Amino acid sequence: MNSVETANHKARNANARGFSVIELMVVVIISIILMAIALYQIIPAVSASRADVAMREVVEQIRQARELSIENRRYVQIQFNTATSGAAQIVITQLNHLTANAGADAVVSTVVIEAPFNWCVCGMPDTADAYGNGGAIYFEGLSNGPTAGMEFQSDGELIDSATYAPINGTVFVGTANRPSWSRAVTVLGTTGRVRTYRSIGSSWVMF
């Protein structure tokens, strides 16, 4: 191989190496762009899924309280509290003292709603059930519900602990400044029927 051919061969190899590096950079850039697009789409979906989980926790506790009252023929209290840590929690208590010789009251379960979700109307309007949105926990037209508390009785009704009258209400779950993450759970007092709603920005759709 003469010197001219050697030089041309080296030049071709150099060009080949140069194109390979450029191609690699293009592939890397395209991969980064695709990953960014995927993350942009996945993150809201993950957040929406977590909001659904928080909503289902509320629903499950309401249904558990109602089922216990029917199965055990006892009054079962349900409380939507805020723990000292600031977390939203649901406490279910079987009120045995209201039944002769049934023993002391028993806390059946305490469930804490996963952060960052809490009791929050978060600027959302009332649901289609129109039970009110004057508070994140809104039953019998009162923020946080009736003063005496609320409980399920053995026929499955949700009642005011003081008057024993059926009450309707809504539990709003969400996080501040994220209206699309808002969820709502409504309860019809006379039957204990539960409905769930998902935010679509500034309004609700049944979920």
Protein backbone atom coordinates (compact mmCIF):
# COMPACT_ATOMS: atom_id res chain seq x y z
CA MET A 1 0.00 0.00 0.00
CA ASN A 2 1.53 3.31 -1.06
CA SER A 3 1.50 6.46 1.02
CA VAL A 4 -1.48 7.97 -0.87
CA GLU A 5 -3.63 4.88 -0.32
CA THR A 6 -2.58 4.78 3.34
CA ALA A 7 -3.62 8.41 3.81
CA ASN A 8 -6.98 7.82 2.12
CA HIS A 9 -7.57 4.74 4.25
CA LYS A 10 -6.85 6.70 7.46
CA ALA A 11 -9.16 9.49 6.32
CA ARG A 12 -12.00 7.03 5.66
CA ASN A 13 -11.51 5.48 9.09
CA ALA A 14 -11.54 8.91 10.71
CA ASN A 15 -14.75 9.84 8.89
CA ALA A 16 -16.33 6.54 9.90
CA ARG A 17 -15.43 7.16 13.53
CA GLY A 18 -16.79 10.69 13.32
CA PHE A 19 -20.14 9.60 11.90
CA SER A 20 -20.44 6.90 14.56
CA VAL A 21 -20.05 9.44 17.38
CA ILE A 22 -22.59 11.79 15.78
CA GLU A 23 -25.05 8.94 15.32
CA LEU A 24 -24.60 7.90 18.93
CA MET A 25 -25.26 11.44 20.13
CA VAL A 26 -28.43 11.62 18.02
CA VAL A 27 -29.66 8.34 19.51
CA VAL A 28 -28.92 9.56 23.05
CA ILE A 29 -30.72 12.86 22.46
CA ILE A 30 -33.76 11.12 20.97
CA SER A 31 -33.82 8.71 23.93
CA ILE A 32 -33.72 11.59 26.41
CA ILE A 33 -36.57 13.36 24.60
CA LEU A 34 -38.69 10.18 24.58
CA MET A 35 -38.00 9.60 28.28
CA ALA A 36 -39.01 13.17 29.11
CA ILE A 37 -42.26 12.77 27.15
CA ALA A 38 -42.98 9.47 28.92
CA LEU A 39 -42.35 10.98 32.36
CA TYR A 40 -44.56 13.97 31.50
CA GLN A 41 -47.39 11.56 30.75
CA ILE A 42 -46.73 9.04 33.54
CA ILE A 43 -46.40 11.41 36.53
CA PRO A 44 -49.98 12.78 36.31
CA ALA A 45 -51.29 9.24 35.84
CA VAL A 46 -49.42 8.05 38.95
CA SER A 47 -50.75 10.99 40.97
CA ALA A 48 -54.31 10.30 39.80
CA SER A 49 -53.88 6.67 40.77
CA ARG A 50 -52.76 7.66 44.28
CA ALA A 51 -55.79 9.94 44.60
CA ASP A 52 -58.01 7.00 43.64
CA VAL A 53 -56.35 4.89 46.34
CA ALA A 54 -57.10 7.57 48.96
CA MET A 55 -60.72 7.69 47.81
CA ARG A 56 -61.05 3.90 47.97
CA GLU A 57 -59.70 3.89 51.52
CA VAL A 58 -62.54 6.22 52.52
CA VAL A 59 -65.11 4.07 50.73
CA GLU A 60 -63.82 0.84 52.26
CA GLN A 61 -63.98 2.25 55.79
CA ILE A 62 -67.51 3.58 55.33
CA ARG A 63 -68.66 0.22 53.99
CA GLN A 64 -66.86 -1.66 56.74
CA ALA A 65 -68.57 0.43 59.42
CA ARG A 66 -71.98 -0.17 57.84
CA GLU A 67 -71.42 -3.91 57.44
CA LEU A 68 -70.28 -4.24 61.06
CA SER A 69 -73.40 -2.50 62.31
CA ILE A 70 -75.62 -4.87 60.32
CA GLU A 71 -73.71 -8.08 61.09
CA ASN A 72 -73.20 -7.44 64.81
CA ARG A 73 -76.48 -5.62 65.47
CA ARG A 74 -74.57 -2.76 67.05
CA TYR A 75 -74.25 0.97 66.57
CA VAL A 76 -70.92 1.67 64.85
CA GLN A 77 -69.45 5.15 64.96
CA ILE A 78 -67.36 6.55 62.13
CA GLN A 79 -65.11 9.58 62.62
CA PHE A 80 -63.12 11.53 60.06
CA ASN A 81 -60.33 13.10 62.10
CA THR A 82 -57.04 14.89 61.66
CA ALA A 83 -54.26 13.25 63.64
CA THR A 84 -51.66 15.22 65.61
CA SER A 85 -49.31 14.69 62.67
CA GLY A 86 -51.79 16.55 60.47
CA ALA A 87 -52.71 13.39 58.57
CA ALA A 88 -56.30 12.54 57.71
CA GLN A 89 -57.56 9.46 59.51
CA ILE A 90 -60.75 7.42 59.80
CA VAL A 91 -61.65 5.77 63.10
CA ILE A 92 -64.35 3.09 63.39
CA THR A 93 -65.69 2.30 66.87
CA GLN A 94 -68.28 -0.30 67.78
CA LEU A 95 -70.49 1.33 70.44
CA ASN A 96 -71.14 -1.65 72.66
CA HIS A 97 -72.27 0.49 75.60
CA LEU A 98 -75.52 1.21 73.77
CA THR A 99 -76.45 -2.48 73.94
CA ALA A 100 -77.18 -4.11 77.29
CA ASN A 101 -74.40 -6.39 78.59
CA ALA A 102 -72.38 -5.94 75.39
CA GLY A 103 -69.27 -4.69 77.16
CA ALA A 104 -67.07 -1.66 76.52
CA ASP A 105 -66.80 0.21 73.24
CA ALA A 106 -64.17 -1.20 70.87
CA VAL A 107 -62.11 0.64 68.28
CA VAL A 108 -62.31 -1.62 65.25
CA SER A 109 -59.90 0.18 62.95
CA THR A 110 -57.90 3.35 62.49
CA VAL A 111 -56.81 4.12 58.94
CA VAL A 112 -54.54 7.02 57.96
CA ILE A 113 -54.94 8.44 54.46
CA GLU A 114 -51.64 8.46 52.60
CA ALA A 115 -49.93 11.86 52.19
CA PRO A 116 -50.12 14.24 50.43
CA PHE A 117 -53.88 13.68 50.51
CA ASN A 118 -56.03 15.09 53.27
CA TRP A 119 -59.57 16.24 53.96
CA CYS A 120 -59.86 19.12 51.50
CA VAL A 121 -62.60 20.71 49.40
CA CYS A 122 -59.71 22.31 47.48
CA GLY A 123 -61.94 24.90 45.77
CA MET A 124 -64.17 22.29 44.16
CA PRO A 125 -67.94 22.75 43.78
CA ASP A 126 -70.57 20.50 45.34
CA THR A 127 -71.19 17.09 43.80
CA ALA A 128 -74.31 16.17 41.84
CA ASP A 129 -75.80 14.71 45.03
CA ALA A 130 -75.91 18.29 46.41
CA TYR A 131 -75.21 17.45 50.05
CA GLY A 132 -73.13 20.63 50.38
CA ASN A 133 -69.46 21.58 50.33
CA GLY A 134 -69.20 23.89 53.31
CA GLY A 135 -66.38 21.77 54.69
CA ALA A 136 -64.18 18.85 53.74
CA ILE A 137 -66.30 16.64 56.02
CA TYR A 138 -69.84 17.86 55.47
CA PHE A 139 -72.82 15.96 56.91
CA GLU A 140 -76.30 17.15 57.88
CA GLY A 141 -75.40 20.59 56.51
CA LEU A 142 -72.60 20.96 59.06
CA SER A 143 -68.83 21.18 58.64
CA ASN A 144 -67.31 18.12 60.39
CA GLY A 145 -70.80 16.67 60.76
CA PRO A 146 -73.16 16.69 63.76
CA THR A 147 -71.65 17.65 67.10
CA ALA A 148 -72.67 14.40 68.78
CA GLY A 149 -71.06 12.39 66.00
CA MET A 150 -72.48 9.97 63.47
CA GLU A 151 -72.91 6.25 63.35
CA PHE A 152 -74.43 3.40 61.44
CA GLN A 153 -77.27 1.50 63.03
CA SER A 154 -78.21 -2.13 62.50
CA ASP A 155 -80.47 -1.46 59.49
CA GLY A 156 -77.56 0.18 57.65
CA GLU A 157 -78.70 3.79 58.08
CA LEU A 158 -76.16 6.53 58.80
CA ILE A 159 -77.59 8.61 61.63
CA ASP A 160 -76.94 11.62 63.87
CA SER A 161 -75.79 10.19 67.20
CA ALA A 162 -77.98 12.65 69.12
CA THR A 163 -81.24 12.54 67.18
CA TYR A 164 -80.98 9.10 65.52
CA ALA A 165 -82.22 10.75 62.31
CA PRO A 166 -80.67 9.68 58.96
CA ILE A 167 -78.11 12.12 57.60
CA ASN A 168 -76.53 12.65 54.19
CA GLY A 169 -73.05 13.97 53.59
CA THR A 170 -69.84 14.15 51.62
CA VAL A 171 -66.19 13.46 52.35
CA PHE A 172 -63.82 15.50 50.17
CA VAL A 173 -60.25 14.25 49.67
CA GLY A 174 -57.48 16.14 47.91
CA THR A 175 -54.42 18.29 48.24
CA ALA A 176 -54.06 22.06 48.01
CA ASN A 177 -53.46 23.65 44.60
CA ARG A 178 -54.11 20.35 42.79
CA PRO A 179 -57.81 20.37 41.86
CA SER A 180 -57.37 17.52 39.37
CA TRP A 181 -56.36 15.25 42.28
CA SER A 182 -59.61 15.91 44.17
CA ARG A 183 -62.02 13.10 45.00
CA ALA A 184 -65.40 13.03 46.76
CA VAL A 185 -67.38 10.30 48.50
CA THR A 186 -71.08 10.84 49.24
CA VAL A 187 -73.27 8.86 51.64
CA LEU A 188 -77.06 8.66 51.53
CA GLY A 189 -78.14 8.29 55.14
CA THR A 190 -81.36 6.32 54.69
CA THR A 191 -79.68 3.43 52.87
CA GLY A 192 -75.94 3.90 53.45
CA ARG A 193 -75.44 4.07 49.70
CA VAL A 194 -71.99 5.36 48.70
CA ARG A 195 -71.09 7.23 45.51
CA THR A 196 -67.66 8.33 44.37
CA TYR A 197 -66.65 11.32 42.26
CA ARG A 198 -63.45 12.27 40.46
CA SER A 199 -62.40 15.81 39.62
CA ILE A 200 -61.93 16.82 36.00
CA GLY A 201 -60.55 20.23 36.87
CA SER A 202 -63.45 22.42 37.92
CA SER A 203 -66.26 19.85 38.00
CA TRP A 204 -67.00 16.26 39.00
CA VAL A 205 -67.69 13.04 37.14
CA MET A 206 -69.08 9.96 38.84
CA PHE A 207 -66.35 7.36 39.27
